């Protein structure tokens, strides 16, 4: 079975994330969307909330599984017999960083990284940017799945 992982913080999941996940699901027998836990980062949504949102928006993809992990991604890959990491690239600046990570991961474990260029509609899209725009009342409806936009608006309202 060909397995891949799409790692990220997904705080929140965007249409750009979904584009990469959907395309990867067409290439692999199983795709694990892994929410990577970084204790030094305070997310707007808890890990459990992010997992729930990801399950909602990927429910139509039968070969996609949602999970979380704290630690090295390559250790997750080893523990779950995953041979590939799939990453979306928005710009050259992404490539510089991601290439170093890919080479390190390959050196540590033999796990390969596959880069997918993002759909041009989402080439500027980042969760942090979406949160900032939404915080100031900007329209992010075309950047997020509707259920996720609703949750984001509710969370922003809760936080004042």
Protein backbone atom coordinates (compact mmCIF):
# COMPACT_ATOMS: atom_id res chain seq x y z
CA UNK A 1 0.00 0.00 0.00
CA UNK A 2 1.32 3.41 -0.96
CA UNK A 3 0.91 5.78 1.99
CA UNK A 4 1.68 9.47 2.29
CA UNK A 5 1.34 12.07 4.98
CA UNK A 6 0.28 15.70 4.56
CA UNK A 7 1.60 17.41 7.69
CA UNK A 8 0.68 20.83 8.99
CA UNK A 9 -0.78 22.88 11.78
CA UNK A 10 -4.13 23.40 9.99
CA UNK A 11 -5.11 26.30 12.26
CA UNK A 12 -7.55 26.47 10.49
CA UNK A 13 -7.68 24.23 7.41
CA UNK A 14 -7.97 26.33 4.24
CA UNK A 15 -9.07 25.67 0.67
CA UNK A 16 -5.38 25.57 -0.24
CA UNK A 17 -4.80 22.75 2.23
CA UNK A 18 -7.82 20.89 0.89
CA UNK A 19 -6.58 21.24 -2.68
CA UNK A 20 -3.31 19.50 -1.80
CA UNK A 21 -5.04 16.82 0.31
CA UNK A 22 -7.55 16.02 -2.45
CA UNK A 23 -4.86 15.83 -5.12
CA UNK A 24 -2.64 13.64 -2.93
CA UNK A 25 -5.58 11.31 -2.27
CA UNK A 26 -5.71 10.63 -6.01
CA UNK A 27 -2.06 9.57 -6.05
CA UNK A 28 -1.79 7.40 -2.95
CA UNK A 29 -3.75 4.48 -1.53
CA UNK A 30 -3.91 6.22 1.85
CA UNK A 31 -3.20 9.82 2.84
CA UNK A 32 -2.81 10.71 6.48
CA UNK A 33 -3.42 14.35 7.29
CA UNK A 34 -1.31 14.87 10.39
CA UNK A 35 -1.77 17.83 12.67
CA UNK A 36 1.71 18.43 14.03
CA UNK A 37 1.73 19.57 17.62
CA UNK A 38 4.15 22.33 18.48
CA UNK A 39 3.88 23.20 22.19
CA UNK A 40 5.66 26.51 21.61
CA UNK A 41 2.89 27.69 19.25
CA UNK A 42 -0.47 28.74 20.63
CA UNK A 43 -3.11 27.97 18.06
CA UNK A 44 -6.48 29.66 17.71
CA UNK A 45 -8.06 26.19 17.72
CA UNK A 46 -7.12 23.27 19.94
CA UNK A 47 -5.60 20.19 18.34
CA UNK A 48 -8.85 18.29 18.96
CA UNK A 49 -10.84 21.04 17.22
CA UNK A 50 -8.49 20.99 14.24
CA UNK A 51 -8.79 17.20 14.00
CA UNK A 52 -12.59 17.48 14.07
CA UNK A 53 -12.63 20.19 11.39
CA UNK A 54 -10.33 18.15 9.16
CA UNK A 55 -12.54 15.08 9.55
CA UNK A 56 -15.56 17.16 8.53
CA UNK A 57 -14.03 18.63 5.40
CA UNK A 58 -12.36 15.40 4.20
CA UNK A 59 -15.29 13.06 4.93
CA UNK A 60 -15.91 12.60 1.19
CA UNK A 61 -12.36 11.23 0.69
CA UNK A 62 -12.46 7.56 1.75
CA UNK A 63 -8.70 7.06 1.65
CA UNK A 64 -7.89 10.06 3.89
CA UNK A 65 -7.27 9.54 7.58
CA UNK A 66 -6.80 12.31 10.17
CA UNK A 67 -4.27 12.03 13.00
CA UNK A 68 -1.96 14.13 15.18
CA UNK A 69 1.66 13.79 16.20
CA UNK A 70 4.10 15.37 18.61
CA UNK A 71 7.71 14.82 17.62
CA UNK A 72 9.69 14.28 14.46
CA UNK A 73 7.56 13.70 11.39
CA UNK A 74 9.92 10.97 10.18
CA UNK A 75 9.30 9.06 13.42
CA UNK A 76 5.58 9.21 12.66
CA UNK A 77 6.28 7.94 9.15
CA UNK A 78 8.33 5.01 10.49
CA UNK A 79 5.71 4.08 13.09
CA UNK A 80 2.95 4.11 10.46
CA UNK A 81 4.87 2.67 7.49
CA UNK A 82 4.51 5.86 5.46
CA UNK A 83 6.98 6.30 2.63
CA UNK A 84 6.22 9.82 1.42
CA UNK A 85 5.57 13.30 2.74
CA UNK A 86 3.43 15.56 0.55
CA UNK A 87 3.93 19.31 0.83
CA UNK A 88 2.31 22.15 -1.06
CA UNK A 89 4.55 24.90 -2.39
CA UNK A 90 3.16 28.40 -2.83
CA UNK A 91 6.29 30.32 -3.78
CA UNK A 92 10.05 30.09 -4.14
CA UNK A 93 10.41 31.13 -0.49
CA UNK A 94 8.52 27.96 0.53
CA UNK A 95 10.86 25.87 -1.60
CA UNK A 96 14.03 27.11 0.10
CA UNK A 97 12.83 26.01 3.53
CA UNK A 98 11.00 22.86 2.43
CA UNK A 99 13.96 21.58 0.40
CA UNK A 100 16.16 21.66 3.51
CA UNK A 101 13.49 19.83 5.49
CA UNK A 102 13.05 17.25 2.72
CA UNK A 103 16.77 16.57 2.56
CA UNK A 104 17.01 16.27 6.34
CA UNK A 105 14.02 13.90 6.47
CA UNK A 106 15.46 11.77 3.68
CA UNK A 107 18.83 11.62 5.43
CA UNK A 108 17.26 10.68 8.78
CA UNK A 109 14.86 8.05 7.54
CA UNK A 110 14.80 7.50 3.80
CA UNK A 111 11.30 9.01 3.65
CA UNK A 112 10.86 10.96 0.43
CA UNK A 113 9.12 14.33 0.10
CA UNK A 114 6.89 15.12 -2.83
CA UNK A 115 6.25 18.77 -3.62
CA UNK A 116 2.98 19.82 -5.23
CA UNK A 117 2.56 23.29 -6.64
CA UNK A 118 -0.50 24.97 -5.25
CA UNK A 119 -3.43 25.95 -7.36
CA UNK A 120 -2.75 29.57 -8.41
CA UNK A 121 -6.05 30.53 -6.74
CA UNK A 122 -4.42 29.74 -3.39
CA UNK A 123 -0.79 30.72 -3.99
CA UNK A 124 -0.98 33.54 -1.43
CA UNK A 125 -3.01 31.64 1.13
CA UNK A 126 -1.79 30.94 4.67
CA UNK A 127 -3.84 30.15 7.77
CA UNK A 128 -2.16 32.99 9.67
CA UNK A 129 -3.11 35.49 6.98
CA UNK A 130 -6.71 34.23 6.89
CA UNK A 131 -6.99 34.59 10.68
CA UNK A 132 -5.63 38.13 10.54
CA UNK A 133 -7.99 39.23 7.77
CA UNK A 134 -10.98 37.63 9.50
CA UNK A 135 -10.04 39.29 12.81
CA UNK A 136 -10.43 42.68 11.13
CA UNK A 137 -13.75 41.73 9.55
CA UNK A 138 -12.43 40.96 6.08
CA UNK A 139 -14.19 38.53 3.77
CA UNK A 140 -12.47 35.14 3.80
CA UNK A 141 -15.44 33.16 2.49
CA UNK A 142 -13.65 32.09 -0.70
CA UNK A 143 -10.58 30.94 1.23
CA UNK A 144 -12.15 28.46 3.66
CA UNK A 145 -14.77 25.73 3.53
CA UNK A 146 -18.08 27.25 4.76
CA UNK A 147 -18.16 25.25 8.03
CA UNK A 148 -14.60 26.32 8.81
CA UNK A 149 -15.33 29.97 8.08
CA UNK A 150 -18.27 29.81 10.48
CA UNK A 151 -16.10 28.30 13.23
CA UNK A 152 -13.41 30.90 12.63
CA UNK A 153 -15.90 33.75 12.92
CA UNK A 154 -17.35 32.23 16.11
CA UNK A 155 -13.90 31.83 17.66
CA UNK A 156 -12.92 35.40 16.81
CA UNK A 157 -16.16 36.65 18.38
CA UNK A 158 -15.49 34.55 21.53
CA UNK A 159 -12.01 36.04 21.85
CA UNK A 160 -13.35 39.57 21.43
